Amino acid sequence: MINQEFNVIEYIQQMSLLLDLKLNDEYQDGVIANFTKIKSMAELVNQFPLPEKIEIAPTFDP
């Protein structure tokens, strides 16, 4: 997989087209700001190293 920079604005535009979702101009800045925060959180989670021998739990019991 090629490491590409994630473009938040392009993603929002493509998803709104795919979902046939009209995004009003008054909300666009807030949506961009929230997805930028989500991107930062996801990058933090993805940087966490996992051991090679980790196993997936079959069920989640809190």
PDB file of N, CA and C in Angstrom:
ATOM      1  N   MET A   1       0.837  -1.180   0.000  1.00  0.00           N
ATOM      2  CA  MET A   1       0.000   0.000   0.000  1.00  0.00           C
ATOM      3  C   MET A   1       0.879   1.238   0.000  1.00  0.00           C
ATOM      4  N   ILE A   2       0.545   2.175  -0.852  1.00  0.00           N
ATOM      5  CA  ILE A   2       1.299   3.414  -0.949  1.00  0.00           C
ATOM      6  C   ILE A   2       0.851   4.349   0.170  1.00  0.00           C
ATOM      7  N   ASN A   3       1.821   4.941   0.864  1.00  0.00           N
ATOM      8  CA  ASN A   3       1.515   5.866   1.944  1.00  0.00           C
ATOM      9  C   ASN A   3       1.153   7.219   1.333  1.00  0.00           C
ATOM     10  N   GLN A   4      -0.104   7.583   1.411  1.00  0.00           N
ATOM     11  CA  GLN A   4      -0.584   8.842   0.865  1.00  0.00           C
ATOM     12  C   GLN A   4      -1.139   9.697   1.987  1.00  0.00           C
ATOM     13  N   GLU A   5      -1.017  11.001   1.833  1.00  0.00           N
ATOM     14  CA  GLU A   5      -1.582  11.929   2.805  1.00  0.00           C
ATOM     15  C   GLU A   5      -3.103  11.931   2.662  1.00  0.00           C
ATOM     16  N   PHE A   6      -3.797  11.817   3.758  1.00  0.00           N
ATOM     17  CA  PHE A   6      -5.258  11.810   3.765  1.00  0.00           C
ATOM     18  C   PHE A   6      -5.755  13.246   3.657  1.00  0.00           C
ATOM     19  N   ASN A   7      -6.531  13.521   2.629  1.00  0.00           N
ATOM     20  CA  ASN A   7      -7.079  14.854   2.398  1.00  0.00           C
ATOM     21  C   ASN A   7      -8.505  14.897   2.944  1.00  0.00           C
ATOM     22  N   VAL A   8      -8.685  15.606   4.043  1.00  0.00           N
ATOM     23  CA  VAL A   8      -9.977  15.643   4.733  1.00  0.00           C
ATOM     24  C   VAL A   8     -11.051  16.271   3.847  1.00  0.00           C
ATOM     25  N   ILE A   9     -10.745  17.372   3.206  1.00  0.00           N
ATOM     26  CA  ILE A   9     -11.747  18.071   2.387  1.00  0.00           C
ATOM     27  C   ILE A   9     -12.185  17.201   1.216  1.00  0.00           C
ATOM     28  N   GLU A  10     -11.229  16.566   0.558  1.00  0.00           N
ATOM     29  CA  GLU A  10     -11.558  15.676  -0.557  1.00  0.00           C
ATOM     30  C   GLU A  10     -12.411  14.498  -0.078  1.00  0.00           C
ATOM     31  N   TYR A  11     -12.076  13.942   1.074  1.00  0.00           N
ATOM     32  CA  TYR A  11     -12.843  12.821   1.634  1.00  0.00           C
ATOM     33  C   TYR A  11     -14.300  13.240   1.890  1.00  0.00           C
ATOM     34  N   ILE A  12     -14.478  14.396   2.503  1.00  0.00           N
ATOM     35  CA  ILE A  12     -15.832  14.881   2.806  1.00  0.00           C
ATOM     36  C   ILE A  12     -16.622  15.092   1.521  1.00  0.00           C
ATOM     37  N   GLN A  13     -15.990  15.669   0.525  1.00  0.00           N
ATOM     38  CA  GLN A  13     -16.668  15.892  -0.751  1.00  0.00           C
ATOM     39  C   GLN A  13     -17.068  14.566  -1.399  1.00  0.00           C
ATOM     40  N   GLN A  14     -16.165  13.605  -1.404  1.00  0.00           N
ATOM     41  CA  GLN A  14     -16.459  12.310  -2.030  1.00  0.00           C
ATOM     42  C   GLN A  14     -17.541  11.545  -1.268  1.00  0.00           C
ATOM     43  N   MET A  15     -17.488  11.572   0.059  1.00  0.00           N
ATOM     44  CA  MET A  15     -18.486  10.859   0.844  1.00  0.00           C
ATOM     45  C   MET A  15     -19.859  11.502   0.722  1.00  0.00           C
ATOM     46  N   SER A  16     -19.910  12.818   0.643  1.00  0.00           N
ATOM     47  CA  SER A  16     -21.213  13.470   0.490  1.00  0.00           C
ATOM     48  C   SER A  16     -21.829  13.115  -0.860  1.00  0.00           C
ATOM     49  N   LEU A  17     -20.997  12.973  -1.892  1.00  0.00           N
ATOM     50  CA  LEU A  17     -21.503  12.531  -3.190  1.00  0.00           C
ATOM     51  C   LEU A  17     -21.950  11.073  -3.139  1.00  0.00           C
ATOM     52  N   LEU A  18     -21.134  10.229  -2.534  1.00  0.00           N
ATOM     53  CA  LEU A  18     -21.448   8.806  -2.452  1.00  0.00           C
ATOM     54  C   LEU A  18     -22.739   8.547  -1.677  1.00  0.00           C
ATOM     55  N   LEU A  19     -22.924   9.294  -0.597  1.00  0.00           N
ATOM     56  CA  LEU A  19     -24.104   9.112   0.248  1.00  0.00           C
ATOM     57  C   LEU A  19     -25.285   9.973  -0.186  1.00  0.00           C
ATOM     58  N   ASP A  20     -25.082  10.759  -1.243  1.00  0.00           N
ATOM     59  CA  ASP A  20     -26.108  11.688  -1.727  1.00  0.00           C
ATOM     60  C   ASP A  20     -26.575  12.579  -0.576  1.00  0.00           C
ATOM     61  N   LEU A  21     -25.597  13.156   0.120  1.00  0.00           N
ATOM     62  CA  LEU A  21     -25.849  13.965   1.306  1.00  0.00           C
ATOM     63  C   LEU A  21     -25.494  15.413   0.997  1.00  0.00           C
ATOM     64  N   LYS A  22     -26.483  16.298   1.067  1.00  0.00           N
ATOM     65  CA  LYS A  22     -26.244  17.712   0.819  1.00  0.00           C
ATOM     66  C   LYS A  22     -25.676  18.334   2.084  1.00  0.00           C
ATOM     67  N   LEU A  23     -24.448  18.839   1.993  1.00  0.00           N
ATOM     68  CA  LEU A  23     -23.796  19.470   3.131  1.00  0.00           C
ATOM     69  C   LEU A  23     -23.925  20.981   2.978  1.00  0.00           C
ATOM     70  N   ASN A  24     -24.734  21.598   3.827  1.00  0.00           N
ATOM     71  CA  ASN A  24     -24.936  23.045   3.765  1.00  0.00           C
ATOM     72  C   ASN A  24     -23.630  23.781   4.046  1.00  0.00           C
ATOM     73  N   ASP A  25     -23.442  24.895   3.365  1.00  0.00           N
ATOM     74  CA  ASP A  25     -22.219  25.688   3.518  1.00  0.00           C
ATOM     75  C   ASP A  25     -21.984  26.114   4.967  1.00  0.00           C
ATOM     76  N   GLU A  26     -23.062  26.376   5.705  1.00  0.00           N
ATOM     77  CA  GLU A  26     -22.920  26.828   7.088  1.00  0.00           C
ATOM     78  C   GLU A  26     -22.326  25.756   8.007  1.00  0.00           C
ATOM     79  N   TYR A  27     -22.410  24.476   7.602  1.00  0.00           N
ATOM     80  CA  TYR A  27     -21.899  23.380   8.428  1.00  0.00           C
ATOM     81  C   TYR A  27     -20.544  22.860   7.952  1.00  0.00           C
ATOM     82  N   GLN A  28     -20.140  23.232   6.781  1.00  0.00           N
ATOM     83  CA  GLN A  28     -18.951  22.642   6.171  1.00  0.00           C
ATOM     84  C   GLN A  28     -17.682  22.862   7.018  1.00  0.00           C
ATOM     85  N   ASP A  29     -17.487  24.060   7.552  1.00  0.00           N
ATOM     86  CA  ASP A  29     -16.291  24.313   8.364  1.00  0.00           C
ATOM     87  C   ASP A  29     -16.263  23.433   9.614  1.00  0.00           C
ATOM     88  N   GLY A  30     -17.411  23.239  10.239  1.00  0.00           N
ATOM     89  CA  GLY A  30     -17.481  22.386  11.427  1.00  0.00           C
ATOM     90  C   GLY A  30     -17.214  20.927  11.106  1.00  0.00           C
ATOM     91  N   VAL A  31     -17.737  20.460   9.982  1.00  0.00           N
ATOM     92  CA  VAL A  31     -17.509  19.073   9.566  1.00  0.00           C
ATOM     93  C   VAL A  31     -16.029  18.857   9.277  1.00  0.00           C
ATOM     94  N   ILE A  32     -15.401  19.804   8.590  1.00  0.00           N
ATOM     95  CA  ILE A  32     -13.969  19.707   8.289  1.00  0.00           C
ATOM     96  C   ILE A  32     -13.161  19.696   9.581  1.00  0.00           C
ATOM     97  N   ALA A  33     -13.506  20.562  10.528  1.00  0.00           N
ATOM     98  CA  ALA A  33     -12.787  20.615  11.806  1.00  0.00           C
ATOM     99  C   ALA A  33     -12.924  19.297  12.565  1.00  0.00           C
ATOM    100  N   ASN A  34     -14.124  18.722  12.591  1.00  0.00           N
ATOM    101  CA  ASN A  34     -14.332  17.463  13.305  1.00  0.00           C
ATOM    102  C   ASN A  34     -13.592  16.307  12.647  1.00  0.00           C
ATOM    103  N   PHE A  35     -13.614  16.227  11.310  1.00  0.00           N
ATOM    104  CA  PHE A  35     -12.892  15.152  10.641  1.00  0.00           C
ATOM    105  C   PHE A  35     -11.379  15.315  10.787  1.00  0.00           C
ATOM    106  N   THR A  36     -10.906  16.540  10.895  1.00  0.00           N
ATOM    107  CA  THR A  36      -9.478  16.768  11.143  1.00  0.00           C
ATOM    108  C   THR A  36      -9.097  16.222  12.524  1.00  0.00           C
ATOM    109  N   LYS A  37      -9.964  16.427  13.519  1.00  0.00           N
ATOM    110  CA  LYS A  37      -9.725  15.880  14.862  1.00  0.00           C
ATOM    111  C   LYS A  37      -9.773  14.351  14.835  1.00  0.00           C
ATOM    112  N   ILE A  38     -10.753  13.803  14.117  1.00  0.00           N
ATOM    113  CA  ILE A  38     -10.874  12.340  14.000  1.00  0.00           C
ATOM    114  C   ILE A  38      -9.618  11.765  13.356  1.00  0.00           C
ATOM    115  N   LYS A  39      -9.096  12.437  12.328  1.00  0.00           N
ATOM    116  CA  LYS A  39      -7.868  11.992  11.656  1.00  0.00           C
ATOM    117  C   LYS A  39      -6.705  11.956  12.640  1.00  0.00           C
ATOM    118  N   SER A  40      -6.585  12.980  13.471  1.00  0.00           N
ATOM    119  CA  SER A  40      -5.502  13.025  14.459  1.00  0.00           C
ATOM    120  C   SER A  40      -5.609  11.882  15.462  1.00  0.00           C
ATOM    121  N   MET A  41      -6.825  11.589  15.907  1.00  0.00           N
ATOM    122  CA  MET A  41      -7.027  10.489  16.855  1.00  0.00           C
ATOM    123  C   MET A  41      -6.708   9.149  16.207  1.00  0.00           C
ATOM    124  N   ALA A  42      -7.124   8.964  14.966  1.00  0.00           N
ATOM    125  CA  ALA A  42      -6.870   7.704  14.260  1.00  0.00           C
ATOM    126  C   ALA A  42      -5.374   7.500  14.039  1.00  0.00           C
ATOM    127  N   GLU A  43      -4.657   8.564  13.730  1.00  0.00           N
ATOM    128  CA  GLU A  43      -3.210   8.444  13.546  1.00  0.00           C
ATOM    129  C   GLU A  43      -2.531   8.013  14.834  1.00  0.00           C
ATOM    130  N   LEU A  44      -2.995   8.536  15.964  1.00  0.00           N
ATOM    131  CA  LEU A  44      -2.437   8.152  17.262  1.00  0.00           C
ATOM    132  C   LEU A  44      -2.673   6.669  17.540  1.00  0.00           C
ATOM    133  N   VAL A  45      -3.883   6.200  17.280  1.00  0.00           N
ATOM    134  CA  VAL A  45      -4.216   4.788  17.500  1.00  0.00           C
ATOM    135  C   VAL A  45      -3.399   3.899  16.563  1.00  0.00           C
ATOM    136  N   ASN A  46      -3.282   4.290  15.300  1.00  0.00           N
ATOM    137  CA  ASN A  46      -2.554   3.476  14.315  1.00  0.00           C
ATOM    138  C   ASN A  46      -1.054   3.415  14.585  1.00  0.00           C
ATOM    139  N   GLN A  47      -0.523   4.362  15.336  1.00  0.00           N
ATOM    140  CA  GLN A  47       0.909   4.355  15.657  1.00  0.00           C
ATOM    141  C   GLN A  47       1.244   3.418  16.817  1.00  0.00           C
ATOM    142  N   PHE A  48       0.231   2.930  17.519  1.00  0.00           N
ATOM    143  CA  PHE A  48       0.454   2.062  18.669  1.00  0.00           C
ATOM    144  C   PHE A  48       0.929   0.698  18.186  1.00  0.00           C
ATOM    145  N   PRO A  49       2.110   0.275  18.628  1.00  0.00           N
ATOM    146  CA  PRO A  49       2.634  -1.013  18.143  1.00  0.00           C
ATOM    147  C   PRO A  49       1.899  -2.204  18.785  1.00  0.00           C
ATOM    148  N   LEU A  50       1.641  -3.198  17.969  1.00  0.00           N
ATOM    149  CA  LEU A  50       1.022  -4.427  18.455  1.00  0.00           C
ATOM    150  C   LEU A  50       2.022  -5.569  18.322  1.00  0.00           C
ATOM    151  N   PRO A  51       2.048  -6.470  19.296  1.00  0.00           N
ATOM    152  CA  PRO A  51       2.966  -7.608  19.197  1.00  0.00           C
ATOM    153  C   PRO A  51       2.581  -8.526  18.034  1.00  0.00           C
ATOM    154  N   GLU A  52       3.562  -9.214  17.494  1.00  0.00           N
ATOM    155  CA  GLU A  52       3.348 -10.116  16.352  1.00  0.00           C
ATOM    156  C   GLU A  52       2.394 -11.265  16.688  1.00  0.00           C
ATOM    157  N   LYS A  53       2.433 -11.746  17.921  1.00  0.00           N
ATOM    158  CA  LYS A  53       1.663 -12.937  18.291  1.00  0.00           C
ATOM    159  C   LYS A  53       0.314 -12.618  18.930  1.00  0.00           C
ATOM    160  N   ILE A  54      -0.183 -11.419  18.734  1.00  0.00           N
ATOM    161  CA  ILE A  54      -1.466 -11.050  19.334  1.00  0.00           C
ATOM    162  C   ILE A  54      -2.600 -11.813  18.645  1.00  0.00           C
ATOM    163  N   GLU A  55      -3.594 -12.205  19.438  1.00  0.00           N
ATOM    164  CA  GLU A  55      -4.737 -12.941  18.898  1.00  0.00           C
ATOM    165  C   GLU A  55      -5.999 -12.116  19.062  1.00  0.00           C
ATOM    166  N   ILE A  56      -6.895 -12.266  18.131  1.00  0.00           N
ATOM    167  CA  ILE A  56      -8.163 -11.553  18.172  1.00  0.00           C
ATOM    168  C   ILE A  56      -9.094 -12.279  19.141  1.00  0.00           C
ATOM    169  N   ALA A  57      -9.764 -11.519  19.992  1.00  0.00           N
ATOM    170  CA  ALA A  57     -10.730 -12.112  20.904  1.00  0.00           C
ATOM    171  C   ALA A  57     -11.983 -12.497  20.134  1.00  0.00           C
ATOM    172  N   PRO A  58     -12.534 -13.697  20.379  1.00  0.00           N
ATOM    173  CA  PRO A  58     -13.724 -14.126  19.628  1.00  0.00           C
ATOM    174  C   PRO A  58     -14.960 -13.308  19.975  1.00  0.00           C
ATOM    175  N   THR A  59     -15.056 -12.832  21.212  1.00  0.00           N
ATOM    176  CA  THR A  59     -16.183 -11.996  21.624  1.00  0.00           C
ATOM    177  C   THR A  59     -15.669 -10.918  22.584  1.00  0.00           C
ATOM    178  N   PHE A  60     -16.437  -9.856  22.709  1.00  0.00           N
ATOM    179  CA  PHE A  60     -16.089  -8.797  23.648  1.00  0.00           C
ATOM    180  C   PHE A  60     -17.078  -8.853  24.798  1.00  0.00           C
ATOM    181  N   ASP A  61     -16.564  -9.047  25.997  1.00  0.00           N
ATOM    182  CA  ASP A  61     -17.392  -9.036  27.199  1.00  0.00           C
ATOM    183  C   ASP A  61     -16.873  -7.943  28.116  1.00  0.00           C
ATOM    184  N   PRO A  62     -17.605  -6.850  28.241  1.00  0.00           N
ATOM    185  CA  PRO A  62     -17.117  -5.738  29.105  1.00  0.00           C
ATOM    186  C   PRO A  62     -17.120  -6.117  30.574  1.00  0.00           C
TER     187      PRO A  62
END
